[in-house]
Amino acid sequence: MFVEIMPLLAGRTVLITVAKVDDHTLRVNVIPTQAKADENPALATPLTYTGPPEELDAELGKHLAGYVQTHQQTASTLAEAKATLEAAAKAAQEEAKRKAEERKKATQPPPDKGTLATTVEPASTSSLGSTGTLGLFPTASPELISTQPKGGLAL
Protein backbone atom coordinates (compact mmCIF):
# COMPACT_ATOMS: atom_id res chain seq x y z
CA MET A 1 0.00 0.00 0.00
CA PHE A 2 2.72 2.50 0.89
CA VAL A 3 4.82 1.68 -2.16
CA GLU A 4 1.83 2.57 -4.36
CA ILE A 5 1.23 5.87 -2.61
CA MET A 6 4.87 7.08 -2.68
CA PRO A 7 4.55 8.99 -6.02
CA LEU A 8 1.62 10.93 -4.57
CA LEU A 9 3.64 11.77 -1.46
CA ALA A 10 6.42 13.30 -3.58
CA GLY A 11 4.62 16.62 -3.94
CA ARG A 12 2.06 16.73 -1.12
CA THR A 13 0.91 15.39 2.20
CA VAL A 14 -1.60 12.54 2.16
CA LEU A 15 -3.89 11.87 5.10
CA ILE A 16 -5.09 8.30 5.58
CA THR A 17 -7.92 7.56 7.98
CA VAL A 18 -9.34 4.16 8.87
CA ALA A 19 -12.72 3.81 10.54
CA LYS A 20 -14.71 0.81 11.61
CA VAL A 21 -18.16 0.83 9.97
CA ASP A 22 -19.45 -2.36 11.62
CA ASP A 23 -18.04 -5.66 12.92
CA HIS A 24 -16.98 -6.82 9.42
CA THR A 25 -16.40 -3.60 7.48
CA LEU A 26 -13.73 -0.88 7.46
CA ARG A 27 -13.65 2.46 5.64
CA VAL A 28 -10.28 3.79 4.44
CA ASN A 29 -10.03 7.42 3.35
CA VAL A 30 -7.04 8.65 1.34
CA ILE A 31 -7.05 12.45 1.31
CA PRO A 32 -4.32 14.32 -0.60
CA THR A 33 -3.81 17.92 0.52
CA GLN A 34 -3.34 20.81 -1.87
CA ALA A 35 0.33 21.35 -2.65
CA LYS A 36 -0.16 25.07 -3.40
CA ALA A 37 -2.90 27.53 -2.55
CA ASP A 38 -3.67 28.19 -6.23
CA GLU A 39 -3.72 24.50 -7.16
CA ASN A 40 -6.83 23.05 -8.74
CA PRO A 41 -9.07 21.53 -6.03
CA ALA A 42 -9.58 18.42 -8.20
CA LEU A 43 -6.07 17.34 -7.17
CA ALA A 44 -7.21 17.16 -3.53
CA THR A 45 -10.18 14.87 -4.21
CA PRO A 46 -10.31 12.21 -1.50
CA LEU A 47 -10.59 8.51 -2.19
CA THR A 48 -12.69 6.20 0.01
CA TYR A 49 -12.68 2.38 0.11
CA THR A 50 -15.13 0.41 2.16
CA GLY A 51 -14.99 -3.36 2.65
CA PRO A 52 -13.99 -6.24 4.89
CA PRO A 53 -10.38 -6.15 6.15
CA GLU A 54 -9.37 -9.19 4.06
CA GLU A 55 -10.60 -7.53 0.85
CA LEU A 56 -8.87 -4.27 1.71
CA ASP A 57 -5.62 -6.16 2.36
CA ALA A 58 -5.86 -7.88 -1.02
CA GLU A 59 -7.19 -5.02 -3.20
CA LEU A 60 -6.32 -1.64 -1.64
CA GLY A 61 -2.78 -1.57 -3.10
CA LYS A 62 -4.04 -2.02 -6.69
CA HIS A 63 -6.75 0.59 -6.20
CA LEU A 64 -4.27 3.04 -4.72
CA ALA A 65 -1.88 2.50 -7.64
CA GLY A 66 -4.68 3.31 -10.10
CA TYR A 67 -5.72 6.36 -8.04
CA VAL A 68 -2.16 7.71 -7.93
CA GLN A 69 -1.73 7.18 -11.68
CA THR A 70 -5.01 8.99 -12.40
CA HIS A 71 -4.01 11.77 -10.00
CA GLN A 72 -0.69 12.27 -11.79
CA GLN A 73 -2.35 12.27 -15.22
CA THR A 74 -4.89 14.83 -14.02
CA ALA A 75 -2.13 17.04 -12.63
CA SER A 76 -0.24 16.79 -15.92
CA THR A 77 -3.35 17.52 -17.99
CA LEU A 78 -4.24 20.52 -15.82
CA ALA A 79 -0.69 21.87 -16.13
CA GLU A 80 -0.77 21.47 -19.93
CA ALA A 81 -4.20 23.11 -20.14
CA LYS A 82 -3.01 26.01 -17.99
CA ALA A 83 0.10 26.48 -20.14
CA THR A 84 -1.99 26.34 -23.33
CA LEU A 85 -4.47 28.89 -21.99
CA GLU A 86 -1.68 31.21 -20.87
CA ALA A 87 -0.03 30.97 -24.30
CA ALA A 88 -3.36 31.63 -26.03
CA ALA A 89 -4.04 34.63 -23.79
CA LYS A 90 -0.57 36.03 -24.50
CA ALA A 91 -1.04 35.54 -28.24
CA ALA A 92 -4.45 37.24 -28.10
CA GLN A 93 -2.98 40.20 -26.22
CA GLU A 94 -0.16 40.54 -28.74
CA GLU A 95 -2.64 40.33 -31.63
CA ALA A 96 -4.85 43.01 -30.05
CA LYS A 97 -1.79 45.22 -29.50
CA ARG A 98 -0.67 44.73 -33.10
CA LYS A 99 -4.13 45.59 -34.45
CA ALA A 100 -4.31 48.69 -32.24
CA GLU A 101 -0.95 49.85 -33.60
CA GLU A 102 -2.11 49.23 -37.18
CA ARG A 103 -5.30 51.26 -36.56
CA LYS A 104 -3.24 54.03 -34.99
CA LYS A 105 -0.91 54.11 -38.00
CA ALA A 106 -3.85 54.12 -40.43
CA THR A 107 -5.49 57.15 -38.78
CA GLN A 108 -2.31 59.25 -38.57
CA PRO A 109 -1.44 61.51 -41.55
CA PRO A 110 1.85 60.76 -43.31
CA PRO A 111 4.77 62.47 -41.56
CA ASP A 112 6.25 63.90 -44.85
CA LYS A 113 6.16 67.70 -44.26
CA GLY A 114 7.59 68.62 -47.65
CA THR A 115 4.69 67.07 -49.56
CA LEU A 116 2.16 68.60 -47.18
CA ALA A 117 3.58 72.12 -47.60
CA THR A 118 3.57 71.96 -51.39
CA THR A 119 -0.02 70.79 -51.50
CA VAL A 120 -1.35 73.30 -49.00
CA GLU A 121 0.53 76.37 -50.19
CA PRO A 122 -0.68 76.57 -53.78
CA ALA A 123 -4.23 75.87 -52.76
CA SER A 124 -4.27 78.68 -50.22
CA THR A 125 -2.70 81.33 -52.47
CA SER A 126 -4.58 80.50 -55.64
CA SER A 127 -8.01 80.08 -54.15
CA LEU A 128 -7.97 83.23 -52.02
CA GLY A 129 -9.69 85.99 -53.85
CA SER A 130 -10.58 89.53 -52.78
CA THR A 131 -13.17 88.11 -50.39
CA GLY A 132 -10.59 86.05 -48.51
CA THR A 133 -12.51 82.78 -48.94
CA LEU A 134 -11.03 79.45 -49.90
CA GLY A 135 -12.55 78.67 -53.27
CA LEU A 136 -16.17 79.06 -52.24
CA PHE A 137 -16.80 81.99 -54.60
CA PRO A 138 -15.19 82.84 -57.91
CA THR A 139 -12.13 84.98 -57.48
CA ALA A 140 -12.00 88.41 -59.02
CA SER A 141 -9.96 88.77 -62.18
CA PRO A 142 -6.38 90.05 -61.76
CA GLU A 143 -7.22 93.28 -63.70
CA LEU A 144 -10.00 94.25 -61.29
CA ILE A 145 -7.83 93.61 -58.30
CA SER A 146 -4.98 95.76 -59.64
CA THR A 147 -7.18 98.70 -60.80
CA GLN A 148 -9.18 99.08 -57.63
CA PRO A 149 -7.91 101.84 -55.40
CA LYS A 150 -6.71 100.87 -51.99
CA GLY A 151 -9.21 101.83 -49.36
CA GLY A 152 -12.68 103.25 -50.05
CA LEU A 153 -15.35 102.10 -52.50
CA ALA A 154 -14.85 101.84 -56.19
CA LEU A 155 -17.87 102.43 -58.39
C-alpha atoms as a PDB file:
ATOM      1  CA  MET A   1       0.000   0.000   0.000  1.00  0.00           C
ATOM      2  CA  PHE A   2       2.721   2.504   0.891  1.00  0.00           C
ATOM      3  CA  VAL A   3       4.818   1.681  -2.164  1.00  0.00           C
ATOM      4  CA  GLU A   4       1.835   2.566  -4.364  1.00  0.00           C
ATOM      5  CA  ILE A   5       1.229   5.875  -2.605  1.00  0.00           C
ATOM      6  CA  MET A   6       4.868   7.076  -2.685  1.00  0.00           C
ATOM      7  CA  PRO A   7       4.549   8.986  -6.019  1.00  0.00           C
ATOM      8  CA  LEU A   8       1.625  10.928  -4.574  1.00  0.00           C
ATOM      9  CA  LEU A   9       3.642  11.774  -1.456  1.00  0.00           C
ATOM     10  CA  ALA A  10       6.418  13.299  -3.582  1.00  0.00           C
ATOM     11  CA  GLY A  11       4.625  16.622  -3.939  1.00  0.00           C
ATOM     12  CA  ARG A  12       2.063  16.735  -1.119  1.00  0.00           C
ATOM     13  CA  THR A  13       0.908  15.395   2.200  1.00  0.00           C
ATOM     14  CA  VAL A  14      -1.604  12.540   2.160  1.00  0.00           C
ATOM     15  CA  LEU A  15      -3.889  11.867   5.101  1.00  0.00           C
ATOM     16  CA  ILE A  16      -5.090   8.301   5.583  1.00  0.00           C
ATOM     17  CA  THR A  17      -7.921   7.560   7.977  1.00  0.00           C
ATOM     18  CA  VAL A  18      -9.336   4.163   8.871  1.00  0.00           C
ATOM     19  CA  ALA A  19     -12.720   3.812  10.541  1.00  0.00           C
ATOM     20  CA  LYS A  20     -14.713   0.806  11.612  1.00  0.00           C
ATOM     21  CA  VAL A  21     -18.161   0.833   9.969  1.00  0.00           C
ATOM     22  CA  ASP A  22     -19.448  -2.365  11.617  1.00  0.00           C
ATOM     23  CA  ASP A  23     -18.041  -5.659  12.916  1.00  0.00           C
ATOM     24  CA  HIS A  24     -16.984  -6.822   9.424  1.00  0.00           C
ATOM     25  CA  THR A  25     -16.398  -3.598   7.481  1.00  0.00           C
ATOM     26  CA  LEU A  26     -13.730  -0.876   7.460  1.00  0.00           C
ATOM     27  CA  ARG A  27     -13.648   2.456   5.640  1.00  0.00           C
ATOM     28  CA  VAL A  28     -10.276   3.789   4.445  1.00  0.00           C
ATOM     29  CA  ASN A  29     -10.032   7.424   3.352  1.00  0.00           C
ATOM     30  CA  VAL A  30      -7.035   8.654   1.345  1.00  0.00           C
ATOM     31  CA  ILE A  31      -7.047  12.446   1.311  1.00  0.00           C
ATOM     32  CA  PRO A  32      -4.324  14.321  -0.600  1.00  0.00           C
ATOM     33  CA  THR A  33      -3.815  17.917   0.524  1.00  0.00           C
ATOM     34  CA  GLN A  34      -3.339  20.812  -1.865  1.00  0.00           C
ATOM     35  CA  ALA A  35       0.329  21.348  -2.651  1.00  0.00           C
ATOM     36  CA  LYS A  36      -0.157  25.072  -3.398  1.00  0.00           C
ATOM     37  CA  ALA A  37      -2.899  27.534  -2.546  1.00  0.00           C
ATOM     38  CA  ASP A  38      -3.665  28.186  -6.233  1.00  0.00           C
ATOM     39  CA  GLU A  39      -3.716  24.498  -7.164  1.00  0.00           C
ATOM     40  CA  ASN A  40      -6.833  23.054  -8.741  1.00  0.00           C
ATOM     41  CA  PRO A  41      -9.072  21.533  -6.033  1.00  0.00           C
ATOM     42  CA  ALA A  42      -9.576  18.423  -8.196  1.00  0.00           C
ATOM     43  CA  LEU A  43      -6.074  17.342  -7.168  1.00  0.00           C
ATOM     44  CA  ALA A  44      -7.209  17.161  -3.534  1.00  0.00           C
ATOM     45  CA  THR A  45     -10.177  14.867  -4.211  1.00  0.00           C
ATOM     46  CA  PRO A  46     -10.306  12.212  -1.500  1.00  0.00           C
ATOM     47  CA  LEU A  47     -10.594   8.506  -2.185  1.00  0.00           C
ATOM     48  CA  THR A  48     -12.688   6.202   0.008  1.00  0.00           C
ATOM     49  CA  TYR A  49     -12.681   2.380   0.106  1.00  0.00           C
ATOM     50  CA  THR A  50     -15.133   0.407   2.161  1.00  0.00           C
ATOM     51  CA  GLY A  51     -14.992  -3.360   2.647  1.00  0.00           C
ATOM     52  CA  PRO A  52     -13.989  -6.236   4.893  1.00  0.00           C
ATOM     53  CA  PRO A  53     -10.377  -6.145   6.152  1.00  0.00           C
ATOM     54  CA  GLU A  54      -9.371  -9.186   4.059  1.00  0.00           C
ATOM     55  CA  GLU A  55     -10.597  -7.530   0.855  1.00  0.00           C
ATOM     56  CA  LEU A  56      -8.875  -4.269   1.714  1.00  0.00           C
ATOM     57  CA  ASP A  57      -5.620  -6.158   2.362  1.00  0.00           C
ATOM     58  CA  ALA A  58      -5.857  -7.879  -1.024  1.00  0.00           C
ATOM     59  CA  GLU A  59      -7.190  -5.021  -3.205  1.00  0.00           C
ATOM     60  CA  LEU A  60      -6.324  -1.643  -1.644  1.00  0.00           C
ATOM     61  CA  GLY A  61      -2.778  -1.571  -3.098  1.00  0.00           C
ATOM     62  CA  LYS A  62      -4.042  -2.023  -6.685  1.00  0.00           C
ATOM     63  CA  HIS A  63      -6.749   0.593  -6.203  1.00  0.00           C
ATOM     64  CA  LEU A  64      -4.266   3.045  -4.717  1.00  0.00           C
ATOM     65  CA  ALA A  65      -1.877   2.502  -7.635  1.00  0.00           C
ATOM     66  CA  GLY A  66      -4.682   3.313 -10.095  1.00  0.00           C
ATOM     67  CA  TYR A  67      -5.725   6.356  -8.042  1.00  0.00           C
ATOM     68  CA  VAL A  68      -2.160   7.707  -7.930  1.00  0.00           C
ATOM     69  CA  GLN A  69      -1.732   7.183 -11.677  1.00  0.00           C
ATOM     70  CA  THR A  70      -5.013   8.988 -12.399  1.00  0.00           C
ATOM     71  CA  HIS A  71      -4.011  11.774 -10.002  1.00  0.00           C
ATOM     72  CA  GLN A  72      -0.689  12.272 -11.786  1.00  0.00           C
ATOM     73  CA  GLN A  73      -2.350  12.266 -15.224  1.00  0.00           C
ATOM     74  CA  THR A  74      -4.893  14.829 -14.018  1.00  0.00           C
ATOM     75  CA  ALA A  75      -2.132  17.041 -12.627  1.00  0.00           C
ATOM     76  CA  SER A  76      -0.235  16.791 -15.920  1.00  0.00           C
ATOM     77  CA  THR A  77      -3.349  17.515 -17.986  1.00  0.00           C
ATOM     78  CA  LEU A  78      -4.240  20.519 -15.821  1.00  0.00           C
ATOM     79  CA  ALA A  79      -0.691  21.869 -16.125  1.00  0.00           C
ATOM     80  CA  GLU A  80      -0.772  21.468 -19.928  1.00  0.00           C
ATOM     81  CA  ALA A  81      -4.200  23.110 -20.139  1.00  0.00           C
ATOM     82  CA  LYS A  82      -3.009  26.015 -17.995  1.00  0.00           C
ATOM     83  CA  ALA A  83       0.101  26.478 -20.142  1.00  0.00           C
ATOM     84  CA  THR A  84      -1.988  26.336 -23.331  1.00  0.00           C
ATOM     85  CA  LEU A  85      -4.468  28.888 -21.990  1.00  0.00           C
ATOM     86  CA  GLU A  86      -1.680  31.207 -20.874  1.00  0.00           C
ATOM     87  CA  ALA A  87      -0.025  30.968 -24.300  1.00  0.00           C
ATOM     88  CA  ALA A  88      -3.356  31.627 -26.030  1.00  0.00           C
ATOM     89  CA  ALA A  89      -4.036  34.628 -23.788  1.00  0.00           C
ATOM     90  CA  LYS A  90      -0.568  36.030 -24.497  1.00  0.00           C
ATOM     91  CA  ALA A  91      -1.042  35.536 -28.241  1.00  0.00           C
ATOM     92  CA  ALA A  92      -4.449  37.237 -28.103  1.00  0.00           C
ATOM     93  CA  GLN A  93      -2.981  40.198 -26.218  1.00  0.00           C
ATOM     94  CA  GLU A  94      -0.156  40.536 -28.735  1.00  0.00           C
ATOM     95  CA  GLU A  95      -2.642  40.326 -31.630  1.00  0.00           C
ATOM     96  CA  ALA A  96      -4.845  43.005 -30.055  1.00  0.00           C
ATOM     97  CA  LYS A  97      -1.786  45.219 -29.500  1.00  0.00           C
ATOM     98  CA  ARG A  98      -0.667  44.726 -33.104  1.00  0.00           C
ATOM     99  CA  LYS A  99      -4.133  45.591 -34.445  1.00  0.00           C
ATOM    100  CA  ALA A 100      -4.310  48.686 -32.239  1.00  0.00           C
ATOM    101  CA  GLU A 101      -0.948  49.850 -33.596  1.00  0.00           C
ATOM    102  CA  GLU A 102      -2.112  49.235 -37.176  1.00  0.00           C
ATOM    103  CA  ARG A 103      -5.295  51.263 -36.560  1.00  0.00           C
ATOM    104  CA  LYS A 104      -3.240  54.034 -34.994  1.00  0.00           C
ATOM    105  CA  LYS A 105      -0.906  54.114 -37.999  1.00  0.00           C
ATOM    106  CA  ALA A 106      -3.848  54.117 -40.426  1.00  0.00           C
ATOM    107  CA  THR A 107      -5.493  57.154 -38.785  1.00  0.00           C
ATOM    108  CA  GLN A 108      -2.311  59.250 -38.574  1.00  0.00           C
ATOM    109  CA  PRO A 109      -1.439  61.507 -41.554  1.00  0.00           C
ATOM    110  CA  PRO A 110       1.847  60.760 -43.308  1.00  0.00           C
ATOM    111  CA  PRO A 111       4.771  62.468 -41.565  1.00  0.00           C
ATOM    112  CA  ASP A 112       6.252  63.901 -44.851  1.00  0.00           C
ATOM    113  CA  LYS A 113       6.161  67.698 -44.259  1.00  0.00           C
ATOM    114  CA  GLY A 114       7.588  68.617 -47.655  1.00  0.00           C
ATOM    115  CA  THR A 115       4.692  67.073 -49.560  1.00  0.00           C
ATOM    116  CA  LEU A 116       2.158  68.598 -47.179  1.00  0.00           C
ATOM    117  CA  ALA A 117       3.576  72.116 -47.599  1.00  0.00           C
ATOM    118  CA  THR A 118       3.574  71.956 -51.393  1.00  0.00           C
ATOM    119  CA  THR A 119      -0.025  70.793 -51.496  1.00  0.00           C
ATOM    120  CA  VAL A 120      -1.355  73.303 -49.004  1.00  0.00           C
ATOM    121  CA  GLU A 121       0.532  76.369 -50.188  1.00  0.00           C
ATOM    122  CA  PRO A 122      -0.676  76.571 -53.784  1.00  0.00           C
ATOM    123  CA  ALA A 123      -4.235  75.869 -52.761  1.00  0.00           C
ATOM    124  CA  SER A 124      -4.272  78.683 -50.221  1.00  0.00           C
ATOM    125  CA  THR A 125      -2.696  81.334 -52.466  1.00  0.00           C
ATOM    126  CA  SER A 126      -4.576  80.499 -55.636  1.00  0.00           C
ATOM    127  CA  SER A 127      -8.013  80.079 -54.148  1.00  0.00           C
ATOM    128  CA  LEU A 128      -7.969  83.230 -52.020  1.00  0.00           C
ATOM    129  CA  GLY A 129      -9.688  85.988 -53.855  1.00  0.00           C
ATOM    130  CA  SER A 130     -10.584  89.528 -52.783  1.00  0.00           C
ATOM    131  CA  THR A 131     -13.173  88.112 -50.393  1.00  0.00           C
ATOM    132  CA  GLY A 132     -10.591  86.045 -48.512  1.00  0.00           C
ATOM    133  CA  THR A 133     -12.515  82.780 -48.936  1.00  0.00           C
ATOM    134  CA  LEU A 134     -11.027  79.446 -49.899  1.00  0.00           C
ATOM    135  CA  GLY A 135     -12.549  78.672 -53.271  1.00  0.00           C
ATOM    136  CA  LEU A 136     -16.171  79.062 -52.236  1.00  0.00           C
ATOM    137  CA  PHE A 137     -16.803  81.992 -54.597  1.00  0.00           C
ATOM    138  CA  PRO A 138     -15.188  82.838 -57.913  1.00  0.00           C
ATOM    139  CA  THR A 139     -12.131  84.982 -57.482  1.00  0.00           C
ATOM    140  CA  ALA A 140     -11.999  88.410 -59.016  1.00  0.00           C
ATOM    141  CA  SER A 141      -9.961  88.768 -62.175  1.00  0.00           C
ATOM    142  CA  PRO A 142      -6.379  90.050 -61.765  1.00  0.00           C
ATOM    143  CA  GLU A 143      -7.216  93.282 -63.700  1.00  0.00           C
ATOM    144  CA  LEU A 144      -9.996  94.251 -61.288  1.00  0.00           C
ATOM    145  CA  ILE A 145      -7.831  93.611 -58.298  1.00  0.00           C
ATOM    146  CA  SER A 146      -4.977  95.757 -59.643  1.00  0.00           C
ATOM    147  CA  THR A 147      -7.181  98.704 -60.795  1.00  0.00           C
ATOM    148  CA  GLN A 148      -9.175  99.077 -57.632  1.00  0.00           C
ATOM    149  CA  PRO A 149      -7.913 101.835 -55.398  1.00  0.00           C
ATOM    150  CA  LYS A 150      -6.710 100.874 -51.990  1.00  0.00           C
ATOM    151  CA  GLY A 151      -9.213 101.834 -49.362  1.00  0.00           C
ATOM    152  CA  GLY A 152     -12.678 103.252 -50.046  1.00  0.00           C
ATOM    153  CA  LEU A 153     -15.347 102.100 -52.504  1.00  0.00           C
ATOM    154  CA  ALA A 154     -14.848 101.841 -56.195  1.00  0.00           C
ATOM    155  CA  LEU A 155     -17.868 102.434 -58.388  1.00  0.00           C
END
